[in-house]
PDB file of N, CA and C in Angstrom:
ATOM      1  N   MET A   1      -8.775 -69.704 -80.877  1.00  0.00           N
ATOM      2  CA  MET A   1      -9.788 -68.731 -80.525  1.00  0.00           C
ATOM      3  C   MET A   1     -10.209 -68.941 -79.075  1.00  0.00           C
ATOM      4  N   ARG A   2     -10.676 -67.873 -78.487  1.00  0.00           N
ATOM      5  CA  ARG A   2     -11.133 -67.884 -77.094  1.00  0.00           C
ATOM      6  C   ARG A   2     -12.644 -67.613 -77.061  1.00  0.00           C
ATOM      7  N   VAL A   3     -13.351 -68.310 -76.182  1.00  0.00           N
ATOM      8  CA  VAL A   3     -14.802 -68.124 -76.045  1.00  0.00           C
ATOM      9  C   VAL A   3     -15.073 -67.428 -74.720  1.00  0.00           C
ATOM     10  N   GLU A   4     -15.826 -66.341 -74.782  1.00  0.00           N
ATOM     11  CA  GLU A   4     -16.238 -65.606 -73.575  1.00  0.00           C
ATOM     12  C   GLU A   4     -17.752 -65.478 -73.570  1.00  0.00           C
ATOM     13  N   TRP A   5     -18.300 -65.344 -72.382  1.00  0.00           N
ATOM     14  CA  TRP A   5     -19.743 -65.147 -72.220  1.00  0.00           C
ATOM     15  C   TRP A   5     -19.989 -63.727 -71.747  1.00  0.00           C
ATOM     16  N   SER A   6     -20.902 -63.013 -72.407  1.00  0.00           N
ATOM     17  CA  SER A   6     -21.281 -61.681 -71.937  1.00  0.00           C
ATOM     18  C   SER A   6     -22.147 -61.823 -70.683  1.00  0.00           C
ATOM     19  N   ALA A   7     -22.286 -60.731 -69.942  1.00  0.00           N
ATOM     20  CA  ALA A   7     -23.139 -60.750 -68.741  1.00  0.00           C
ATOM     21  C   ALA A   7     -24.582 -61.100 -69.121  1.00  0.00           C
ATOM     22  N   THR A   8     -25.032 -60.613 -70.250  1.00  0.00           N
ATOM     23  CA  THR A   8     -26.390 -60.907 -70.720  1.00  0.00           C
ATOM     24  C   THR A   8     -26.545 -62.395 -71.006  1.00  0.00           C
ATOM     25  N   ALA A   9     -25.541 -62.995 -71.626  1.00  0.00           N
ATOM     26  CA  ALA A   9     -25.606 -64.430 -71.937  1.00  0.00           C
ATOM     27  C   ALA A   9     -25.615 -65.262 -70.659  1.00  0.00           C
ATOM     28  N   LEU A  10     -24.800 -64.885 -69.694  1.00  0.00           N
ATOM     29  CA  LEU A  10     -24.793 -65.611 -68.421  1.00  0.00           C
ATOM     30  C   LEU A  10     -26.156 -65.538 -67.748  1.00  0.00           C
ATOM     31  N   ALA A  11     -26.749 -64.355 -67.755  1.00  0.00           N
ATOM     32  CA  ALA A  11     -28.067 -64.179 -67.135  1.00  0.00           C
ATOM     33  C   ALA A  11     -29.130 -64.978 -67.893  1.00  0.00           C
ATOM     34  N   SER A  12     -29.082 -64.950 -69.231  1.00  0.00           N
ATOM     35  CA  SER A  12     -30.090 -65.687 -69.998  1.00  0.00           C
ATOM     36  C   SER A  12     -29.893 -67.188 -69.825  1.00  0.00           C
ATOM     37  N   GLY A  13     -28.654 -67.657 -69.724  1.00  0.00           N
ATOM     38  CA  GLY A  13     -28.390 -69.074 -69.504  1.00  0.00           C
ATOM     39  C   GLY A  13     -28.839 -69.554 -68.138  1.00  0.00           C
ATOM     40  N   ARG A  14     -28.724 -68.700 -67.134  1.00  0.00           N
ATOM     41  CA  ARG A  14     -29.127 -69.089 -65.768  1.00  0.00           C
ATOM     42  C   ARG A  14     -30.607 -69.431 -65.676  1.00  0.00           C
ATOM     43  N   ARG A  15     -31.411 -68.854 -66.545  1.00  0.00           N
ATOM     44  CA  ARG A  15     -32.847 -69.139 -66.517  1.00  0.00           C
ATOM     45  C   ARG A  15     -33.139 -70.609 -66.768  1.00  0.00           C
ATOM     46  N   PHE A  16     -32.203 -71.302 -67.416  1.00  0.00           N
ATOM     47  CA  PHE A  16     -32.450 -72.685 -67.827  1.00  0.00           C
ATOM     48  C   PHE A  16     -31.627 -73.698 -67.033  1.00  0.00           C
ATOM     49  N   MET A  17     -31.105 -73.297 -65.886  1.00  0.00           N
ATOM     50  CA  MET A  17     -30.228 -74.171 -65.120  1.00  0.00           C
ATOM     51  C   MET A  17     -30.920 -75.426 -64.599  1.00  0.00           C
ATOM     52  N   ARG A  18     -32.239 -75.456 -64.562  1.00  0.00           N
ATOM     53  CA  ARG A  18     -32.930 -76.685 -64.142  1.00  0.00           C
ATOM     54  C   ARG A  18     -32.741 -77.795 -65.162  1.00  0.00           C
ATOM     55  N   ASP A  19     -32.449 -77.414 -66.401  1.00  0.00           N
ATOM     56  CA  ASP A  19     -32.191 -78.388 -67.468  1.00  0.00           C
ATOM     57  C   ASP A  19     -30.676 -78.607 -67.549  1.00  0.00           C
ATOM     58  N   GLN A  20     -30.151 -79.393 -66.623  1.00  0.00           N
ATOM     59  CA  GLN A  20     -28.702 -79.606 -66.546  1.00  0.00           C
ATOM     60  C   GLN A  20     -28.145 -80.255 -67.808  1.00  0.00           C
ATOM     61  N   ASP A  21     -28.849 -81.222 -68.379  1.00  0.00           N
ATOM     62  CA  ASP A  21     -28.364 -81.867 -69.597  1.00  0.00           C
ATOM     63  C   ASP A  21     -28.322 -80.872 -70.757  1.00  0.00           C
ATOM     64  N   GLY A  22     -29.363 -80.050 -70.869  1.00  0.00           N
ATOM     65  CA  GLY A  22     -29.394 -79.044 -71.933  1.00  0.00           C
ATOM     66  C   GLY A  22     -28.282 -78.020 -71.788  1.00  0.00           C
ATOM     67  N   MET A  23     -28.056 -77.554 -70.568  1.00  0.00           N
ATOM     68  CA  MET A  23     -26.998 -76.564 -70.346  1.00  0.00           C
ATOM     69  C   MET A  23     -25.611 -77.170 -70.541  1.00  0.00           C
ATOM     70  N   ARG A  24     -25.462 -78.457 -70.213  1.00  0.00           N
ATOM     71  CA  ARG A  24     -24.199 -79.149 -70.465  1.00  0.00           C
ATOM     72  C   ARG A  24     -23.938 -79.207 -71.972  1.00  0.00           C
ATOM     73  N   SER A  25     -24.975 -79.480 -72.753  1.00  0.00           N
ATOM     74  CA  SER A  25     -24.843 -79.507 -74.210  1.00  0.00           C
ATOM     75  C   SER A  25     -24.491 -78.129 -74.761  1.00  0.00           C
ATOM     76  N   VAL A  26     -25.120 -77.093 -74.211  1.00  0.00           N
ATOM     77  CA  VAL A  26     -24.818 -75.722 -74.638  1.00  0.00           C
ATOM     78  C   VAL A  26     -23.360 -75.388 -74.330  1.00  0.00           C
ATOM     79  N   THR A  27     -22.891 -75.757 -73.145  1.00  0.00           N
ATOM     80  CA  THR A  27     -21.508 -75.487 -72.765  1.00  0.00           C
ATOM     81  C   THR A  27     -20.532 -76.208 -73.687  1.00  0.00           C
ATOM     82  N   GLN A  28     -20.813 -77.463 -74.017  1.00  0.00           N
ATOM     83  CA  GLN A  28     -19.950 -78.218 -74.923  1.00  0.00           C
ATOM     84  C   GLN A  28     -19.949 -77.611 -76.328  1.00  0.00           C
ATOM     85  N   ALA A  29     -21.131 -77.201 -76.794  1.00  0.00           N
ATOM     86  CA  ALA A  29     -21.235 -76.619 -78.132  1.00  0.00           C
ATOM     87  C   ALA A  29     -20.502 -75.282 -78.210  1.00  0.00           C
ATOM     88  N   THR A  30     -20.603 -74.469 -77.161  1.00  0.00           N
ATOM     89  CA  THR A  30     -19.909 -73.174 -77.193  1.00  0.00           C
ATOM     90  C   THR A  30     -18.401 -73.375 -77.116  1.00  0.00           C
ATOM     91  N   ALA A  31     -17.942 -74.374 -76.377  1.00  0.00           N
ATOM     92  CA  ALA A  31     -16.510 -74.670 -76.330  1.00  0.00           C
ATOM     93  C   ALA A  31     -16.022 -75.129 -77.702  1.00  0.00           C
ATOM     94  N   ALA A  32     -16.847 -75.879 -78.426  1.00  0.00           N
ATOM     95  CA  ALA A  32     -16.480 -76.353 -79.758  1.00  0.00           C
ATOM     96  C   ALA A  32     -16.353 -75.212 -80.763  1.00  0.00           C
ATOM     97  N   LEU A  33     -16.999 -74.079 -80.482  1.00  0.00           N
ATOM     98  CA  LEU A  33     -16.880 -72.926 -81.374  1.00  0.00           C
ATOM     99  C   LEU A  33     -15.440 -72.421 -81.458  1.00  0.00           C
ATOM    100  N   ALA A  34     -14.643 -72.668 -80.420  1.00  0.00           N
ATOM    101  CA  ALA A  34     -13.242 -72.252 -80.428  1.00  0.00           C
ATOM    102  C   ALA A  34     -12.476 -72.970 -81.542  1.00  0.00           C
ATOM    103  N   ILE A  35     -12.903 -74.184 -81.863  1.00  0.00           N
ATOM    104  CA  ILE A  35     -12.253 -74.966 -82.918  1.00  0.00           C
ATOM    105  C   ILE A  35     -12.874 -74.657 -84.281  1.00  0.00           C
ATOM    106  N   ASN A  36     -14.187 -74.557 -84.323  1.00  0.00           N
ATOM    107  CA  ASN A  36     -14.907 -74.288 -85.572  1.00  0.00           C
ATOM    108  C   ASN A  36     -15.939 -73.196 -85.315  1.00  0.00           C
ATOM    109  N   PRO A  37     -15.560 -71.923 -85.467  1.00  0.00           N
ATOM    110  CA  PRO A  37     -16.478 -70.831 -85.143  1.00  0.00           C
ATOM    111  C   PRO A  37     -17.637 -70.647 -86.128  1.00  0.00           C
ATOM    112  N   LEU A  38     -17.558 -71.301 -87.271  1.00  0.00           N
ATOM    113  CA  LEU A  38     -18.617 -71.170 -88.273  1.00  0.00           C
ATOM    114  C   LEU A  38     -19.125 -72.555 -88.696  1.00  0.00           C
ATOM    115  N   PRO A  39     -19.791 -73.269 -87.787  1.00  0.00           N
ATOM    116  CA  PRO A  39     -20.280 -74.605 -88.151  1.00  0.00           C
ATOM    117  C   PRO A  39     -21.309 -74.525 -89.272  1.00  0.00           C
ATOM    118  N   SER A  40     -21.325 -75.547 -90.111  1.00  0.00           N
ATOM    119  CA  SER A  40     -22.250 -75.549 -91.251  1.00  0.00           C
ATOM    120  C   SER A  40     -23.707 -75.564 -90.802  1.00  0.00           C
ATOM    121  N   SER A  41     -23.969 -76.059 -89.605  1.00  0.00           N
ATOM    122  CA  SER A  41     -25.339 -76.101 -89.099  1.00  0.00           C
ATOM    123  C   SER A  41     -25.793 -74.753 -88.543  1.00  0.00           C
ATOM    124  N   GLY A  42     -24.896 -73.795 -88.465  1.00  0.00           N
ATOM    125  CA  GLY A  42     -25.230 -72.487 -87.905  1.00  0.00           C
ATOM    126  C   GLY A  42     -25.825 -71.547 -88.939  1.00  0.00           C
ATOM    127  N   PHE A  43     -26.326 -70.440 -88.447  1.00  0.00           N
ATOM    128  CA  PHE A  43     -26.874 -69.373 -89.291  1.00  0.00           C
ATOM    129  C   PHE A  43     -25.953 -68.171 -89.123  1.00  0.00           C
ATOM    130  N   HIS A  44     -25.477 -67.633 -90.221  1.00  0.00           N
ATOM    131  CA  HIS A  44     -24.497 -66.562 -90.157  1.00  0.00           C
ATOM    132  C   HIS A  44     -24.973 -65.374 -90.989  1.00  0.00           C
ATOM    133  N   ARG A  45     -25.063 -64.222 -90.348  1.00  0.00           N
ATOM    134  CA  ARG A  45     -25.443 -63.002 -91.060  1.00  0.00           C
ATOM    135  C   ARG A  45     -24.610 -61.862 -90.497  1.00  0.00           C
ATOM    136  N   GLY A  46     -23.716 -61.360 -91.332  1.00  0.00           N
ATOM    137  CA  GLY A  46     -22.865 -60.260 -90.895  1.00  0.00           C
ATOM    138  C   GLY A  46     -22.021 -60.667 -89.712  1.00  0.00           C
ATOM    139  N   ARG A  47     -22.056 -59.873 -88.679  1.00  0.00           N
ATOM    140  CA  ARG A  47     -21.235 -60.172 -87.503  1.00  0.00           C
ATOM    141  C   ARG A  47     -21.952 -61.078 -86.505  1.00  0.00           C
ATOM    142  N   TYR A  48     -23.230 -61.315 -86.711  1.00  0.00           N
ATOM    143  CA  TYR A  48     -24.003 -62.141 -85.777  1.00  0.00           C
ATOM    144  C   TYR A  48     -24.130 -63.574 -86.287  1.00  0.00           C
ATOM    145  N   HIS A  49     -24.020 -64.502 -85.357  1.00  0.00           N
ATOM    146  CA  HIS A  49     -24.081 -65.921 -85.682  1.00  0.00           C
ATOM    147  C   HIS A  49     -25.013 -66.601 -84.687  1.00  0.00           C
ATOM    148  N   ARG A  50     -25.606 -67.688 -85.155  1.00  0.00           N
ATOM    149  CA  ARG A  50     -26.545 -68.406 -84.307  1.00  0.00           C
ATOM    150  C   ARG A  50     -26.378 -69.890 -84.572  1.00  0.00           C
ATOM    151  N   VAL A  51     -26.396 -70.665 -83.522  1.00  0.00           N
ATOM    152  CA  VAL A  51     -26.322 -72.117 -83.652  1.00  0.00           C
ATOM    153  C   VAL A  51     -27.364 -72.727 -82.723  1.00  0.00           C
ATOM    154  N   ARG A  52     -27.995 -73.772 -83.182  1.00  0.00           N
ATOM    155  CA  ARG A  52     -29.014 -74.438 -82.371  1.00  0.00           C
ATOM    156  C   ARG A  52     -28.378 -75.637 -81.675  1.00  0.00           C
ATOM    157  N   VAL A  53     -28.671 -75.750 -80.381  1.00  0.00           N
ATOM    158  CA  VAL A  53     -28.153 -76.847 -79.563  1.00  0.00           C
ATOM    159  C   VAL A  53     -29.345 -77.460 -78.846  1.00  0.00           C
ATOM    160  N   GLY A  54     -29.858 -78.555 -79.373  1.00  0.00           N
ATOM    161  CA  GLY A  54     -31.043 -79.176 -78.779  1.00  0.00           C
ATOM    162  C   GLY A  54     -32.207 -78.209 -78.779  1.00  0.00           C
ATOM    163  N   HIS A  55     -32.733 -77.916 -77.585  1.00  0.00           N
ATOM    164  CA  HIS A  55     -33.867 -77.002 -77.446  1.00  0.00           C
ATOM    165  C   HIS A  55     -33.438 -75.549 -77.303  1.00  0.00           C
ATOM    166  N   TYR A  56     -32.152 -75.263 -77.499  1.00  0.00           N
ATOM    167  CA  TYR A  56     -31.637 -73.920 -77.250  1.00  0.00           C
ATOM    168  C   TYR A  56     -31.013 -73.309 -78.499  1.00  0.00           C
ATOM    169  N   ARG A  57     -31.021 -72.004 -78.516  1.00  0.00           N
ATOM    170  CA  ARG A  57     -30.386 -71.222 -79.576  1.00  0.00           C
ATOM    171  C   ARG A  57     -29.309 -70.369 -78.915  1.00  0.00           C
ATOM    172  N   VAL A  58     -28.102 -70.438 -79.442  1.00  0.00           N
ATOM    173  CA  VAL A  58     -26.975 -69.677 -78.921  1.00  0.00           C
ATOM    174  C   VAL A  58     -26.606 -68.620 -79.964  1.00  0.00           C
ATOM    175  N   MET A  59     -26.619 -67.356 -79.548  1.00  0.00           N
ATOM    176  CA  MET A  59     -26.246 -66.260 -80.436  1.00  0.00           C
ATOM    177  C   MET A  59     -24.880 -65.746 -80.006  1.00  0.00           C
ATOM    178  N   TYR A  60     -24.016 -65.490 -80.997  1.00  0.00           N
ATOM    179  CA  TYR A  60     -22.657 -65.073 -80.681  1.00  0.00           C
ATOM    180  C   TYR A  60     -22.086 -64.171 -81.770  1.00  0.00           C
ATOM    181  N   VAL A  61     -21.017 -63.486 -81.432  1.00  0.00           N
ATOM    182  CA  VAL A  61     -20.294 -62.646 -82.382  1.00  0.00           C
ATOM    183  C   VAL A  61     -18.824 -63.053 -82.349  1.00  0.00           C
ATOM    184  N   ILE A  62     -18.156 -62.830 -83.474  1.00  0.00           N
ATOM    185  CA  ILE A  62     -16.733 -63.140 -83.588  1.00  0.00           C
ATOM    186  C   ILE A  62     -15.995 -61.830 -83.818  1.00  0.00           C
ATOM    187  N   ASP A  63     -15.044 -61.520 -82.951  1.00  0.00           N
ATOM    188  CA  ASP A  63     -14.188 -60.341 -83.088  1.00  0.00           C
ATOM    189  C   ASP A  63     -12.747 -60.810 -83.006  1.00  0.00           C
ATOM    190  N   ASP A  64     -12.052 -60.787 -84.134  1.00  0.00           N
ATOM    191  CA  ASP A  64     -10.663 -61.242 -84.213  1.00  0.00           C
ATOM    192  C   ASP A  64     -10.550 -62.660 -83.677  1.00  0.00           C
ATOM    193  N   ASP A  65      -9.881 -62.853 -82.542  1.00  0.00           N
ATOM    194  CA  ASP A  65      -9.701 -64.203 -82.002  1.00  0.00           C
ATOM    195  C   ASP A  65     -10.574 -64.467 -80.781  1.00  0.00           C
ATOM    196  N   VAL A  66     -11.638 -63.671 -80.604  1.00  0.00           N
ATOM    197  CA  VAL A  66     -12.541 -63.842 -79.461  1.00  0.00           C
ATOM    198  C   VAL A  66     -13.969 -64.075 -79.959  1.00  0.00           C
ATOM    199  N   ILE A  67     -14.577 -65.134 -79.451  1.00  0.00           N
ATOM    200  CA  ILE A  67     -15.991 -65.411 -79.711  1.00  0.00           C
ATOM    201  C   ILE A  67     -16.735 -65.028 -78.444  1.00  0.00           C
ATOM    202  N   THR A  68     -17.706 -64.130 -78.577  1.00  0.00           N
ATOM    203  CA  THR A  68     -18.482 -63.698 -77.417  1.00  0.00           C
ATOM    204  C   THR A  68     -19.894 -64.246 -77.543  1.00  0.00           C
ATOM    205  N   ILE A  69     -20.260 -65.074 -76.569  1.00  0.00           N
ATOM    206  CA  ILE A  69     -21.619 -65.592 -76.513  1.00  0.00           C
ATOM    207  C   ILE A  69     -22.493 -64.436 -76.016  1.00  0.00           C
ATOM    208  N   GLU A  70     -23.478 -64.049 -76.811  1.00  0.00           N
ATOM    209  CA  GLU A  70     -24.319 -62.899 -76.499  1.00  0.00           C
ATOM    210  C   GLU A  70     -25.624 -63.278 -75.801  1.00  0.00           C
ATOM    211  N   ARG A  71     -26.162 -64.452 -76.139  1.00  0.00           N
ATOM    212  CA  ARG A  71     -27.472 -64.798 -75.590  1.00  0.00           C
ATOM    213  C   ARG A  71     -27.728 -66.294 -75.761  1.00  0.00           C
ATOM    214  N   VAL A  72     -28.452 -66.853 -74.814  1.00  0.00           N
ATOM    215  CA  VAL A  72     -28.928 -68.236 -74.889  1.00  0.00           C
ATOM    216  C   VAL A  72     -30.426 -68.194 -74.672  1.00  0.00           C
ATOM    217  N   ASP A  73     -31.178 -68.743 -75.618  1.00  0.00           N
ATOM    218  CA  ASP A  73     -32.639 -68.748 -75.522  1.00  0.00           C
ATOM    219  C   ASP A  73     -33.162 -70.134 -75.790  1.00  0.00           C
ATOM    220  N   ARG A  74     -34.300 -70.421 -75.208  1.00  0.00           N
ATOM    221  CA  ARG A  74     -34.989 -71.682 -75.505  1.00  0.00           C
ATOM    222  C   ARG A  74     -35.789 -71.458 -76.780  1.00  0.00           C
ATOM    223  N   VAL A  75     -35.730 -72.424 -77.682  1.00  0.00           N
ATOM    224  CA  VAL A  75     -36.450 -72.324 -78.939  1.00  0.00           C
ATOM    225  C   VAL A  75     -37.934 -72.465 -78.648  1.00  0.00           C
ATOM    226  N   SER A  76     -38.745 -71.575 -79.178  1.00  0.00           N
ATOM    227  CA  SER A  76     -40.185 -71.628 -78.912  1.00  0.00           C
ATOM    228  C   SER A  76     -40.772 -72.939 -79.431  1.00  0.00           C
ATOM    229  N   GLY A  77     -41.716 -73.435 -78.661  1.00  0.00           N
ATOM    230  CA  GLY A  77     -42.336 -74.702 -78.998  1.00  0.00           C
ATOM    231  C   GLY A  77     -41.608 -75.895 -78.397  1.00  0.00           C
ATOM    232  N   SER A  78     -40.502 -75.621 -77.674  1.00  0.00           N
ATOM    233  CA  SER A  78     -39.719 -76.720 -77.091  1.00  0.00           C
ATOM    234  C   SER A  78     -39.896 -76.763 -75.602  1.00  0.00           C
TER     235      SER A  78
END
């Protein structure tokens, strides 16, 4: 599988670039989706999927052999 980032996801991720360790973790977790697109720790409903990575939530969709990262948000309260 291939992982791509939408323009919206890139823009939402840029907001958190001051947290280099957090963004590094997000990048590693999204790369791991290519191997296991449906991790047991994730939330899956229909075509939308969500996985938590530290203080961040990554939302993505799976279309055939492409995983598209749709959004990266900081979890409230973190």
